[in-house]
Amino acid sequence: ASKLDGQWSEWHGYCREVQAALPLIEENVTHEGYQSPFK
């Protein structure tokens, strides 16, 4: 960490793009009356 150099802003930007495109909570079966554990 004390010697780290370099810049990866373009890759970091792509990571943000992928993160935004894929929500953590995806479609799952939760029938009416039950609590979604994900939510």
PDB file of all heavy atoms in Angstrom:
ATOM      1  N   ALA A   1       0.820  -1.213   0.000  1.00  0.00           N
ATOM      2  CA  ALA A   1       0.000   0.000   0.000  1.00  0.00           C
ATOM      3  C   ALA A   1       0.849   1.256   0.000  1.00  0.00           C
ATOM      4  O   ALA A   1       0.506   2.255  -0.644  1.00  0.00           O
ATOM      5  CB  ALA A   1      -0.935  -0.014   1.215  1.00  0.00           C
ATOM      6  N   SER A   2       1.978   1.211   0.692  1.00  0.00           N
ATOM      7  CA  SER A   2       2.842   2.402   0.769  1.00  0.00           C
ATOM      8  C   SER A   2       3.573   2.682  -0.537  1.00  0.00           C
ATOM      9  O   SER A   2       4.031   3.807  -0.766  1.00  0.00           O
ATOM     10  CB  SER A   2       3.858   2.227   1.907  1.00  0.00           C
ATOM     11  OG  SER A   2       4.798   1.198   1.588  1.00  0.00           O
ATOM     12  N   LYS A   3       3.689   1.677  -1.428  1.00  0.00           N
ATOM     13  CA  LYS A   3       4.436   1.839  -2.675  1.00  0.00           C
ATOM     14  C   LYS A   3       3.549   1.771  -3.915  1.00  0.00           C
ATOM     15  O   LYS A   3       4.048   1.848  -5.042  1.00  0.00           O
ATOM     16  CB  LYS A   3       5.511   0.756  -2.770  1.00  0.00           C
ATOM     17  CG  LYS A   3       6.546   0.826  -1.653  1.00  0.00           C
ATOM     18  CD  LYS A   3       7.568  -0.298  -1.781  1.00  0.00           C
ATOM     19  CE  LYS A   3       8.601  -0.233  -0.661  1.00  0.00           C
ATOM     20  NZ  LYS A   3       9.599  -1.323  -0.760  1.00  0.00           N
ATOM     21  N   LEU A   4       2.250   1.621  -3.723  1.00  0.00           N
ATOM     22  CA  LEU A   4       1.337   1.425  -4.843  1.00  0.00           C
ATOM     23  C   LEU A   4       1.347   2.641  -5.769  1.00  0.00           C
ATOM     24  O   LEU A   4       1.278   3.785  -5.322  1.00  0.00           O
ATOM     25  CB  LEU A   4      -0.079   1.182  -4.322  1.00  0.00           C
ATOM     26  CG  LEU A   4      -1.138   0.808  -5.352  1.00  0.00           C
ATOM     27  CD1 LEU A   4      -0.838  -0.567  -5.944  1.00  0.00           C
ATOM     28  CD2 LEU A   4      -2.525   0.811  -4.714  1.00  0.00           C
ATOM     29  N   ASP A   5       1.459   2.368  -7.055  1.00  0.00           N
ATOM     30  CA  ASP A   5       1.307   3.432  -8.044  1.00  0.00           C
ATOM     31  C   ASP A   5       0.465   2.892  -9.196  1.00  0.00           C
ATOM     32  O   ASP A   5       0.121   1.724  -9.240  1.00  0.00           O
ATOM     33  CB  ASP A   5       2.661   3.948  -8.538  1.00  0.00           C
ATOM     34  CG  ASP A   5       3.565   2.839  -9.066  1.00  0.00           C
ATOM     35  OD1 ASP A   5       3.082   1.688  -9.196  1.00  0.00           O
ATOM     36  OD2 ASP A   5       4.737   3.116  -9.345  1.00  0.00           O
ATOM     37  N   GLY A   6       0.097   3.765 -10.133  1.00  0.00           N
ATOM     38  CA  GLY A   6      -0.771   3.357 -11.225  1.00  0.00           C
ATOM     39  C   GLY A   6      -2.144   3.982 -11.087  1.00  0.00           C
ATOM     40  O   GLY A   6      -2.533   4.466 -10.018  1.00  0.00           O
ATOM     41  N   GLN A   7      -2.876   3.999 -12.167  1.00  0.00           N
ATOM     42  CA  GLN A   7      -4.211   4.592 -12.182  1.00  0.00           C
ATOM     43  C   GLN A   7      -5.111   3.734 -13.067  1.00  0.00           C
ATOM     44  O   GLN A   7      -4.787   3.466 -14.225  1.00  0.00           O
ATOM     45  CB  GLN A   7      -4.152   6.023 -12.714  1.00  0.00           C
ATOM     46  CG  GLN A   7      -5.463   6.756 -12.714  1.00  0.00           C
ATOM     47  CD  GLN A   7      -6.109   6.840 -11.336  1.00  0.00           C
ATOM     48  OE1 GLN A   7      -7.233   6.354 -11.151  1.00  0.00           O
ATOM     49  NE2 GLN A   7      -5.400   7.400 -10.364  1.00  0.00           N
ATOM     50  N   TRP A   8      -6.247   3.301 -12.518  1.00  0.00           N
ATOM     51  CA  TRP A   8      -7.134   2.384 -13.233  1.00  0.00           C
ATOM     52  C   TRP A   8      -8.558   2.950 -13.299  1.00  0.00           C
ATOM     53  O   TRP A   8      -9.536   2.229 -13.099  1.00  0.00           O
ATOM     54  CB  TRP A   8      -7.115   1.021 -12.550  1.00  0.00           C
ATOM     55  CG  TRP A   8      -5.742   0.411 -12.571  1.00  0.00           C
ATOM     56  CD1 TRP A   8      -5.147  -0.223 -13.616  1.00  0.00           C
ATOM     57  CD2 TRP A   8      -4.803   0.389 -11.494  1.00  0.00           C
ATOM     58  NE1 TRP A   8      -3.891  -0.644 -13.272  1.00  0.00           N
ATOM     59  CE2 TRP A   8      -3.638  -0.282 -11.965  1.00  0.00           C
ATOM     60  CE3 TRP A   8      -4.802   0.874 -10.182  1.00  0.00           C
ATOM     61  CZ2 TRP A   8      -2.514  -0.471 -11.167  1.00  0.00           C
ATOM     62  CZ3 TRP A   8      -3.686   0.682  -9.394  1.00  0.00           C
ATOM     63  CH2 TRP A   8      -2.559   0.018  -9.891  1.00  0.00           C
ATOM     64  N   SER A   9      -8.677   4.234 -13.578  1.00  0.00           N
ATOM     65  CA  SER A   9      -9.981   4.899 -13.567  1.00  0.00           C
ATOM     66  C   SER A   9     -10.929   4.348 -14.635  1.00  0.00           C
ATOM     67  O   SER A   9     -12.138   4.251 -14.406  1.00  0.00           O
ATOM     68  CB  SER A   9      -9.812   6.408 -13.729  1.00  0.00           C
ATOM     69  OG  SER A   9      -9.049   6.707 -14.886  1.00  0.00           O
ATOM     70  N   GLU A  10     -10.405   3.965 -15.801  1.00  0.00           N
ATOM     71  CA  GLU A  10     -11.275   3.441 -16.852  1.00  0.00           C
ATOM     72  C   GLU A  10     -11.874   2.095 -16.427  1.00  0.00           C
ATOM     73  O   GLU A  10     -13.072   1.844 -16.596  1.00  0.00           O
ATOM     74  CB  GLU A  10     -10.489   3.286 -18.155  1.00  0.00           C
ATOM     75  CG  GLU A  10     -11.345   2.836 -19.329  1.00  0.00           C
ATOM     76  CD  GLU A  10     -10.574   2.788 -20.641  1.00  0.00           C
ATOM     77  OE1 GLU A  10      -9.436   3.304 -20.682  1.00  0.00           O
ATOM     78  OE2 GLU A  10     -11.109   2.223 -21.617  1.00  0.00           O
ATOM     79  N   TRP A  11     -11.065   1.218 -15.897  1.00  0.00           N
ATOM     80  CA  TRP A  11     -11.521  -0.078 -15.389  1.00  0.00           C
ATOM     81  C   TRP A  11     -12.489   0.114 -14.217  1.00  0.00           C
ATOM     82  O   TRP A  11     -13.533  -0.537 -14.139  1.00  0.00           O
ATOM     83  CB  TRP A  11     -10.314  -0.901 -14.995  1.00  0.00           C
ATOM     84  CG  TRP A  11     -10.508  -2.127 -14.155  1.00  0.00           C
ATOM     85  CD1 TRP A  11      -9.887  -2.395 -12.969  1.00  0.00           C
ATOM     86  CD2 TRP A  11     -11.334  -3.277 -14.421  1.00  0.00           C
ATOM     87  NE1 TRP A  11     -10.268  -3.619 -12.482  1.00  0.00           N
ATOM     88  CE2 TRP A  11     -11.152  -4.192 -13.364  1.00  0.00           C
ATOM     89  CE3 TRP A  11     -12.197  -3.619 -15.448  1.00  0.00           C
ATOM     90  CZ2 TRP A  11     -11.808  -5.414 -13.283  1.00  0.00           C
ATOM     91  CZ3 TRP A  11     -12.867  -4.841 -15.378  1.00  0.00           C
ATOM     92  CH2 TRP A  11     -12.672  -5.723 -14.308  1.00  0.00           C
ATOM     93  N   HIS A  12     -12.166   1.051 -13.336  1.00  0.00           N
ATOM     94  CA  HIS A  12     -13.037   1.363 -12.206  1.00  0.00           C
ATOM     95  C   HIS A  12     -14.402   1.841 -12.699  1.00  0.00           C
ATOM     96  O   HIS A  12     -15.451   1.441 -12.153  1.00  0.00           O
ATOM     97  CB  HIS A  12     -12.380   2.438 -11.331  1.00  0.00           C
ATOM     98  CG  HIS A  12     -13.167   2.812 -10.114  1.00  0.00           C
ATOM     99  ND1 HIS A  12     -14.195   3.740 -10.143  1.00  0.00           N
ATOM    100  CD2 HIS A  12     -13.088   2.387  -8.824  1.00  0.00           C
ATOM    101  CE1 HIS A  12     -14.699   3.876  -8.931  1.00  0.00           C
ATOM    102  NE2 HIS A  12     -14.044   3.062  -8.114  1.00  0.00           N
ATOM    103  N   GLY A  13     -14.415   2.656 -13.743  1.00  0.00           N
ATOM    104  CA  GLY A  13     -15.669   3.128 -14.305  1.00  0.00           C
ATOM    105  C   GLY A  13     -16.504   1.992 -14.873  1.00  0.00           C
ATOM    106  O   GLY A  13     -17.730   1.963 -14.719  1.00  0.00           O
ATOM    107  N   TYR A  14     -15.839   1.049 -15.528  1.00  0.00           N
ATOM    108  CA  TYR A  14     -16.548  -0.120 -16.057  1.00  0.00           C
ATOM    109  C   TYR A  14     -17.121  -0.953 -14.913  1.00  0.00           C
ATOM    110  O   TYR A  14     -18.252  -1.454 -15.000  1.00  0.00           O
ATOM    111  CB  TYR A  14     -15.600  -0.958 -16.907  1.00  0.00           C
ATOM    112  CG  TYR A  14     -16.215  -2.258 -17.395  1.00  0.00           C
ATOM    113  CD1 TYR A  14     -17.181  -2.266 -18.390  1.00  0.00           C
ATOM    114  CD2 TYR A  14     -15.830  -3.481 -16.843  1.00  0.00           C
ATOM    115  CE1 TYR A  14     -17.758  -3.456 -18.831  1.00  0.00           C
ATOM    116  CE2 TYR A  14     -16.390  -4.672 -17.273  1.00  0.00           C
ATOM    117  CZ  TYR A  14     -17.356  -4.660 -18.269  1.00  0.00           C
ATOM    118  OH  TYR A  14     -17.920  -5.833 -18.700  1.00  0.00           O
ATOM    119  N   CYS A  15     -16.368  -1.111 -13.840  1.00  0.00           N
ATOM    120  CA  CYS A  15     -16.871  -1.847 -12.671  1.00  0.00           C
ATOM    121  C   CYS A  15     -18.132  -1.192 -12.116  1.00  0.00           C
ATOM    122  O   CYS A  15     -19.104  -1.885 -11.761  1.00  0.00           O
ATOM    123  CB  CYS A  15     -15.794  -1.914 -11.589  1.00  0.00           C
ATOM    124  SG  CYS A  15     -14.365  -2.953 -11.984  1.00  0.00           S
ATOM    125  N   ARG A  16     -18.139   0.114 -12.058  1.00  0.00           N
ATOM    126  CA  ARG A  16     -19.331   0.828 -11.599  1.00  0.00           C
ATOM    127  C   ARG A  16     -20.515   0.576 -12.542  1.00  0.00           C
ATOM    128  O   ARG A  16     -21.660   0.417 -12.101  1.00  0.00           O
ATOM    129  CB  ARG A  16     -19.044   2.328 -11.512  1.00  0.00           C
ATOM    130  CG  ARG A  16     -18.318   2.733 -10.259  1.00  0.00           C
ATOM    131  CD  ARG A  16     -19.292   2.912  -9.107  1.00  0.00           C
ATOM    132  NE  ARG A  16     -18.560   3.117  -7.859  1.00  0.00           N
ATOM    133  CZ  ARG A  16     -18.588   2.312  -6.815  1.00  0.00           C
ATOM    134  NH1 ARG A  16     -19.282   1.188  -6.866  1.00  0.00           N
ATOM    135  NH2 ARG A  16     -17.925   2.593  -5.726  1.00  0.00           N
ATOM    136  N   GLU A  17     -20.243   0.546 -13.824  1.00  0.00           N
ATOM    137  CA  GLU A  17     -21.294   0.310 -14.815  1.00  0.00           C
ATOM    138  C   GLU A  17     -21.916  -1.076 -14.623  1.00  0.00           C
ATOM    139  O   GLU A  17     -23.144  -1.228 -14.642  1.00  0.00           O
ATOM    140  CB  GLU A  17     -20.703   0.436 -16.223  1.00  0.00           C
ATOM    141  CG  GLU A  17     -21.687   0.190 -17.348  1.00  0.00           C
ATOM    142  CD  GLU A  17     -21.002   0.224 -18.701  1.00  0.00           C
ATOM    143  OE1 GLU A  17     -19.981   0.931 -18.848  1.00  0.00           O
ATOM    144  OE2 GLU A  17     -21.482  -0.472 -19.629  1.00  0.00           O
ATOM    145  N   VAL A  18     -21.074  -2.083 -14.430  1.00  0.00           N
ATOM    146  CA  VAL A  18     -21.574  -3.447 -14.224  1.00  0.00           C
ATOM    147  C   VAL A  18     -22.341  -3.544 -12.911  1.00  0.00           C
ATOM    148  O   VAL A  18     -23.417  -4.160 -12.835  1.00  0.00           O
ATOM    149  CB  VAL A  18     -20.413  -4.452 -14.266  1.00  0.00           C
ATOM    150  CG1 VAL A  18     -20.885  -5.849 -13.883  1.00  0.00           C
ATOM    151  CG2 VAL A  18     -19.765  -4.458 -15.640  1.00  0.00           C
ATOM    152  N   GLN A  19     -21.819  -2.929 -11.883  1.00  0.00           N
ATOM    153  CA  GLN A  19     -22.481  -2.942 -10.582  1.00  0.00           C
ATOM    154  C   GLN A  19     -23.877  -2.323 -10.670  1.00  0.00           C
ATOM    155  O   GLN A  19     -24.845  -2.851 -10.092  1.00  0.00           O
ATOM    156  CB  GLN A  19     -21.625  -2.172  -9.569  1.00  0.00           C
ATOM    157  CG  GLN A  19     -22.142  -2.203  -8.145  1.00  0.00           C
ATOM    158  CD  GLN A  19     -21.278  -1.359  -7.226  1.00  0.00           C
ATOM    159  OE1 GLN A  19     -20.928  -0.217  -7.554  1.00  0.00           O
ATOM    160  NE2 GLN A  19     -20.903  -1.909  -6.096  1.00  0.00           N
ATOM    161  N   ALA A  20     -23.993  -1.221 -11.401  1.00  0.00           N
ATOM    162  CA  ALA A  20     -25.280  -0.545 -11.525  1.00  0.00           C
ATOM    163  C   ALA A  20     -26.277  -1.341 -12.364  1.00  0.00           C
ATOM    164  O   ALA A  20     -27.489  -1.271 -12.145  1.00  0.00           O
ATOM    165  CB  ALA A  20     -25.074   0.841 -12.141  1.00  0.00           C
ATOM    166  N   ALA A  21     -25.752  -2.133 -13.304  1.00  0.00           N
ATOM    167  CA  ALA A  21     -26.629  -2.879 -14.219  1.00  0.00           C
ATOM    168  C   ALA A  21     -27.193  -4.146 -13.596  1.00  0.00           C
ATOM    169  O   ALA A  21     -28.186  -4.693 -14.093  1.00  0.00           O
ATOM    170  CB  ALA A  21     -25.858  -3.227 -15.495  1.00  0.00           C
ATOM    171  N   LEU A  22     -26.572  -4.627 -12.499  1.00  0.00           N
ATOM    172  CA  LEU A  22     -26.973  -5.912 -11.911  1.00  0.00           C
ATOM    173  C   LEU A  22     -27.384  -5.722 -10.456  1.00  0.00           C
ATOM    174  O   LEU A  22     -26.539  -5.636  -9.559  1.00  0.00           O
ATOM    175  CB  LEU A  22     -25.819  -6.914 -12.001  1.00  0.00           C
ATOM    176  CG  LEU A  22     -25.362  -7.250 -13.424  1.00  0.00           C
ATOM    177  CD1 LEU A  22     -24.114  -8.122 -13.383  1.00  0.00           C
ATOM    178  CD2 LEU A  22     -26.478  -7.948 -14.197  1.00  0.00           C
ATOM    179  N   PRO A  23     -28.674  -5.651 -10.187  1.00  0.00           N
ATOM    180  CA  PRO A  23     -29.137  -5.449  -8.806  1.00  0.00           C
ATOM    181  C   PRO A  23     -28.811  -6.645  -7.926  1.00  0.00           C
ATOM    182  O   PRO A  23     -28.742  -7.782  -8.392  1.00  0.00           O
ATOM    183  CB  PRO A  23     -30.654  -5.285  -8.975  1.00  0.00           C
ATOM    184  CG  PRO A  23     -30.967  -6.028 -10.233  1.00  0.00           C
ATOM    185  CD  PRO A  23     -29.776  -5.815 -11.140  1.00  0.00           C
ATOM    186  N   LEU A  24     -28.621  -6.374  -6.638  1.00  0.00           N
ATOM    187  CA  LEU A  24     -28.322  -7.465  -5.703  1.00  0.00           C
ATOM    188  C   LEU A  24     -29.525  -8.388  -5.528  1.00  0.00           C
ATOM    189  O   LEU A  24     -29.373  -9.593  -5.370  1.00  0.00           O
ATOM    190  CB  LEU A  24     -27.902  -6.892  -4.347  1.00  0.00           C
ATOM    191  CG  LEU A  24     -26.524  -6.236  -4.282  1.00  0.00           C
ATOM    192  CD1 LEU A  24     -26.240  -5.755  -2.862  1.00  0.00           C
ATOM    193  CD2 LEU A  24     -25.441  -7.195  -4.737  1.00  0.00           C
ATOM    194  N   ILE A  25     -30.710  -7.806  -5.527  1.00  0.00           N
ATOM    195  CA  ILE A  25     -31.914  -8.619  -5.355  1.00  0.00           C
ATOM    196  C   ILE A  25     -32.492  -8.922  -6.727  1.00  0.00           C
ATOM    197  O   ILE A  25     -32.967  -8.031  -7.430  1.00  0.00           O
ATOM    198  CB  ILE A  25     -32.960  -7.906  -4.487  1.00  0.00           C
ATOM    199  CG1 ILE A  25     -32.386  -7.633  -3.087  1.00  0.00           C
ATOM    200  CG2 ILE A  25     -34.220  -8.754  -4.374  1.00  0.00           C
ATOM    201  CD1 ILE A  25     -33.345  -6.921  -2.157  1.00  0.00           C
ATOM    202  N   GLU A  26     -32.424 -10.184  -7.123  1.00  0.00           N
ATOM    203  CA  GLU A  26     -32.966 -10.613  -8.410  1.00  0.00           C
ATOM    204  C   GLU A  26     -34.346 -11.234  -8.201  1.00  0.00           C
ATOM    205  O   GLU A  26     -34.819 -11.381  -7.070  1.00  0.00           O
ATOM    206  CB  GLU A  26     -32.000 -11.588  -9.075  1.00  0.00           C
ATOM    207  CG  GLU A  26     -30.629 -10.970  -9.350  1.00  0.00           C
ATOM    208  CD  GLU A  26     -29.760 -11.815 -10.254  1.00  0.00           C
ATOM    209  OE1 GLU A  26     -30.256 -12.822 -10.808  1.00  0.00           O
ATOM    210  OE2 GLU A  26     -28.577 -11.466 -10.419  1.00  0.00           O
ATOM    211  N   GLU A  27     -34.990 -11.605  -9.286  1.00  0.00           N
ATOM    212  CA  GLU A  27     -36.333 -12.165  -9.192  1.00  0.00           C
ATOM    213  C   GLU A  27     -36.287 -13.545  -8.526  1.00  0.00           C
ATOM    214  O   GLU A  27     -35.554 -14.423  -8.949  1.00  0.00           O
ATOM    215  CB  GLU A  27     -36.966 -12.272 -10.579  1.00  0.00           C
ATOM    216  CG  GLU A  27     -37.365 -10.921 -11.163  1.00  0.00           C
ATOM    217  CD  GLU A  27     -38.202 -11.065 -12.413  1.00  0.00           C
ATOM    218  OE1 GLU A  27     -38.794 -12.153 -12.603  1.00  0.00           O
ATOM    219  OE2 GLU A  27     -38.240 -10.108 -13.201  1.00  0.00           O
ATOM    220  N   ASN A  28     -37.085 -13.695  -7.483  1.00  0.00           N
ATOM    221  CA  ASN A  28     -37.211 -14.967  -6.783  1.00  0.00           C
ATOM    222  C   ASN A  28     -38.680 -15.202  -6.448  1.00  0.00           C
ATOM    223  O   ASN A  28     -39.487 -14.261  -6.413  1.00  0.00           O
ATOM    224  CB  ASN A  28     -36.380 -14.955  -5.496  1.00  0.00           C
ATOM    225  CG  ASN A  28     -34.923 -15.269  -5.734  1.00  0.00           C
ATOM    226  OD1 ASN A  28     -34.558 -16.413  -5.960  1.00  0.00           O
ATOM    227  ND2 ASN A  28     -34.072 -14.243  -5.697  1.00  0.00           N
ATOM    228  N   VAL A  29     -39.014 -16.441  -6.186  1.00  0.00           N
ATOM    229  CA  VAL A  29     -40.383 -16.795  -5.816  1.00  0.00           C
ATOM    230  C   VAL A  29     -40.608 -16.497  -4.339  1.00  0.00           C
ATOM    231  O   VAL A  29     -39.924 -17.044  -3.468  1.00  0.00           O
ATOM    232  CB  VAL A  29     -40.653 -18.286  -6.102  1.00  0.00           C
ATOM    233  CG1 VAL A  29     -42.017 -18.693  -5.545  1.00  0.00           C
ATOM    234  CG2 VAL A  29     -40.576 -18.567  -7.592  1.00  0.00           C
ATOM    235  N   THR A  30     -41.536 -15.589  -4.058  1.00  0.00           N
ATOM    236  CA  THR A  30     -42.004 -15.334  -2.701  1.00  0.00           C
ATOM    237  C   THR A  30     -43.515 -15.188  -2.785  1.00  0.00           C
ATOM    238  O   THR A  30     -44.026 -14.178  -3.278  1.00  0.00           O
ATOM    239  CB  THR A  30     -41.400 -14.044  -2.112  1.00  0.00           C
ATOM    240  OG1 THR A  30     -39.976 -14.109  -2.162  1.00  0.00           O
ATOM    241  CG2 THR A  30     -41.837 -13.858  -0.663  1.00  0.00           C
ATOM    242  N   HIS A  31     -44.246 -16.178  -2.345  1.00  0.00           N
ATOM    243  CA  HIS A  31     -45.697 -16.151  -2.466  1.00  0.00           C
ATOM    244  C   HIS A  31     -46.318 -15.128  -1.512  1.00  0.00           C
ATOM    245  O   HIS A  31     -45.709 -14.724  -0.514  1.00  0.00           O
ATOM    246  CB  HIS A  31     -46.280 -17.541  -2.207  1.00  0.00           C
ATOM    247  CG  HIS A  31     -45.969 -18.527  -3.295  1.00  0.00           C
ATOM    248  ND1 HIS A  31     -45.074 -19.568  -3.121  1.00  0.00           N
ATOM    249  CD2 HIS A  31     -46.407 -18.614  -4.576  1.00  0.00           C
ATOM    250  CE1 HIS A  31     -44.990 -20.268  -4.259  1.00  0.00           C
ATOM    251  NE2 HIS A  31     -45.791 -19.707  -5.152  1.00  0.00           N
ATOM    252  N   GLU A  32     -47.531 -14.728  -1.843  1.00  0.00           N
ATOM    253  CA  GLU A  32     -48.236 -13.706  -1.076  1.00  0.00           C
ATOM    254  C   GLU A  32     -48.374 -14.131   0.388  1.00  0.00           C
ATOM    255  O   GLU A  32     -48.658 -15.284   0.701  1.00  0.00           O
ATOM    256  CB  GLU A  32     -49.618 -13.471  -1.681  1.00  0.00           C
ATOM    257  CG  GLU A  32     -50.372 -12.318  -1.044  1.00  0.00           C
ATOM    258  CD  GLU A  32     -51.714 -12.048  -1.720  1.00  0.00           C
ATOM    259  OE1 GLU A  32     -51.981 -12.703  -2.759  1.00  0.00           O
ATOM    260  OE2 GLU A  32     -52.462 -11.204  -1.216  1.00  0.00           O
ATOM    261  N   GLY A  33     -48.174 -13.143   1.254  1.00  0.00           N
ATOM    262  CA  GLY A  33     -48.301 -13.389   2.687  1.00  0.00           C
ATOM    263  C   GLY A  33     -46.997 -13.730   3.368  1.00  0.00           C
ATOM    264  O   GLY A  33     -46.928 -13.767   4.599  1.00  0.00           O
ATOM    265  N   TYR A  34     -45.961 -13.990   2.588  1.00  0.00           N
ATOM    266  CA  TYR A  34     -44.650 -14.307   3.150  1.00  0.00           C
ATOM    267  C   TYR A  34     -43.701 -13.113   2.992  1.00  0.00           C
ATOM    268  O   TYR A  34     -43.838 -12.313   2.064  1.00  0.00           O
ATOM    269  CB  TYR A  34     -44.045 -15.526   2.464  1.00  0.00           C
ATOM    270  CG  TYR A  34     -44.784 -16.815   2.747  1.00  0.00           C
ATOM    271  CD1 TYR A  34     -45.657 -17.355   1.809  1.00  0.00           C
ATOM    272  CD2 TYR A  34     -44.609 -17.484   3.954  1.00  0.00           C
ATOM    273  CE1 TYR A  34     -46.341 -18.538   2.064  1.00  0.00           C
ATOM    274  CE2 TYR A  34     -45.286 -18.661   4.225  1.00  0.00           C
ATOM    275  CZ  TYR A  34     -46.151 -19.189   3.278  1.00  0.00           C
ATOM    276  OH  TYR A  34     -46.819 -20.349   3.535  1.00  0.00           O
ATOM    277  N   GLN A  35     -42.720 -13.039   3.887  1.00  0.00           N
ATOM    278  CA  GLN A  35     -41.736 -11.970   3.836  1.00  0.00           C
ATOM    279  C   GLN A  35     -40.563 -12.377   2.952  1.00  0.00           C
ATOM    280  O   GLN A  35     -39.967 -13.442   3.159  1.00  0.00           O
ATOM    281  CB  GLN A  35     -41.227 -11.643   5.252  1.00  0.00           C
ATOM    282  CG  GLN A  35     -40.088 -10.644   5.296  1.00  0.00           C
ATOM    283  CD  GLN A  35     -40.475  -9.295   4.716  1.00  0.00           C
ATOM    284  OE1 GLN A  35     -41.515  -8.746   5.062  1.00  0.00           O
ATOM    285  NE2 GLN A  35     -39.651  -8.770   3.824  1.00  0.00           N
ATOM    286  N   SER A  36     -40.214 -11.534   1.985  1.00  0.00           N
ATOM    287  CA  SER A  36     -39.023 -11.791   1.184  1.00  0.00           C
ATOM    288  C   SER A  36     -37.796 -11.668   2.077  1.00  0.00           C
ATOM    289  O   SER A  36     -37.544 -10.596   2.649  1.00  0.00           O
ATOM    290  CB  SER A  36     -38.912 -10.790   0.037  1.00  0.00           C
ATOM    291  OG  SER A  36     -37.597 -10.786  -0.490  1.00  0.00           O
ATOM    292  N   PRO A  37     -36.991 -12.720   2.229  1.00  0.00           N
ATOM    293  CA  PRO A  37     -35.795 -12.607   3.067  1.00  0.00           C
ATOM    294  C   PRO A  37     -34.790 -11.623   2.486  1.00  0.00           C
ATOM    295  O   PRO A  37     -34.055 -10.965   3.230  1.00  0.00           O
ATOM    296  CB  PRO A  37     -35.244 -14.034   3.098  1.00  0.00           C
ATOM    297  CG  PRO A  37     -35.805 -14.695   1.886  1.00  0.00           C
ATOM    298  CD  PRO A  37     -37.148 -14.068   1.652  1.00  0.00           C
ATOM    299  N   PHE A  38     -34.763 -11.513   1.160  1.00  0.00           N
ATOM    300  CA  PHE A  38     -33.839 -10.584   0.517  1.00  0.00           C
ATOM    301  C   PHE A  38     -34.176  -9.141   0.886  1.00  0.00           C
ATOM    302  O   PHE A  38     -33.295  -8.342   1.232  1.00  0.00           O
ATOM    303  CB  PHE A  38     -33.887 -10.764  -1.004  1.00  0.00           C
ATOM    304  CG  PHE A  38     -33.372 -12.089  -1.481  1.00  0.00           C
ATOM    305  CD1 PHE A  38     -34.233 -13.154  -1.670  1.00  0.00           C
ATOM    306  CD2 PHE A  38     -32.022 -12.280  -1.740  1.00  0.00           C
ATOM    307  CE1 PHE A  38     -33.768 -14.387  -2.116  1.00  0.00           C
ATOM    308  CE2 PHE A  38     -31.540 -13.500  -2.178  1.00  0.00           C
ATOM    309  CZ  PHE A  38     -32.416 -14.560  -2.366  1.00  0.00           C
ATOM    310  N   LYS A  39     -35.466  -8.791   0.828  1.00  0.00           N
ATOM    311  CA  LYS A  39     -35.868  -7.421   1.141  1.00  0.00           C
ATOM    312  C   LYS A  39     -35.720  -7.123   2.633  1.00  0.00           C
ATOM    313  O   LYS A  39     -35.433  -5.992   3.026  1.00  0.00           O
ATOM    314  CB  LYS A  39     -37.298  -7.189   0.675  1.00  0.00           C
ATOM    315  CG  LYS A  39     -37.417  -7.181  -0.842  1.00  0.00           C
ATOM    316  CD  LYS A  39     -38.844  -6.939  -1.298  1.00  0.00           C
ATOM    317  CE  LYS A  39     -38.927  -6.943  -2.836  1.00  0.00           C
ATOM    318  NZ  LYS A  39     -40.323  -6.754  -3.313  1.00  0.00           N
TER     319      LYS A  39
END
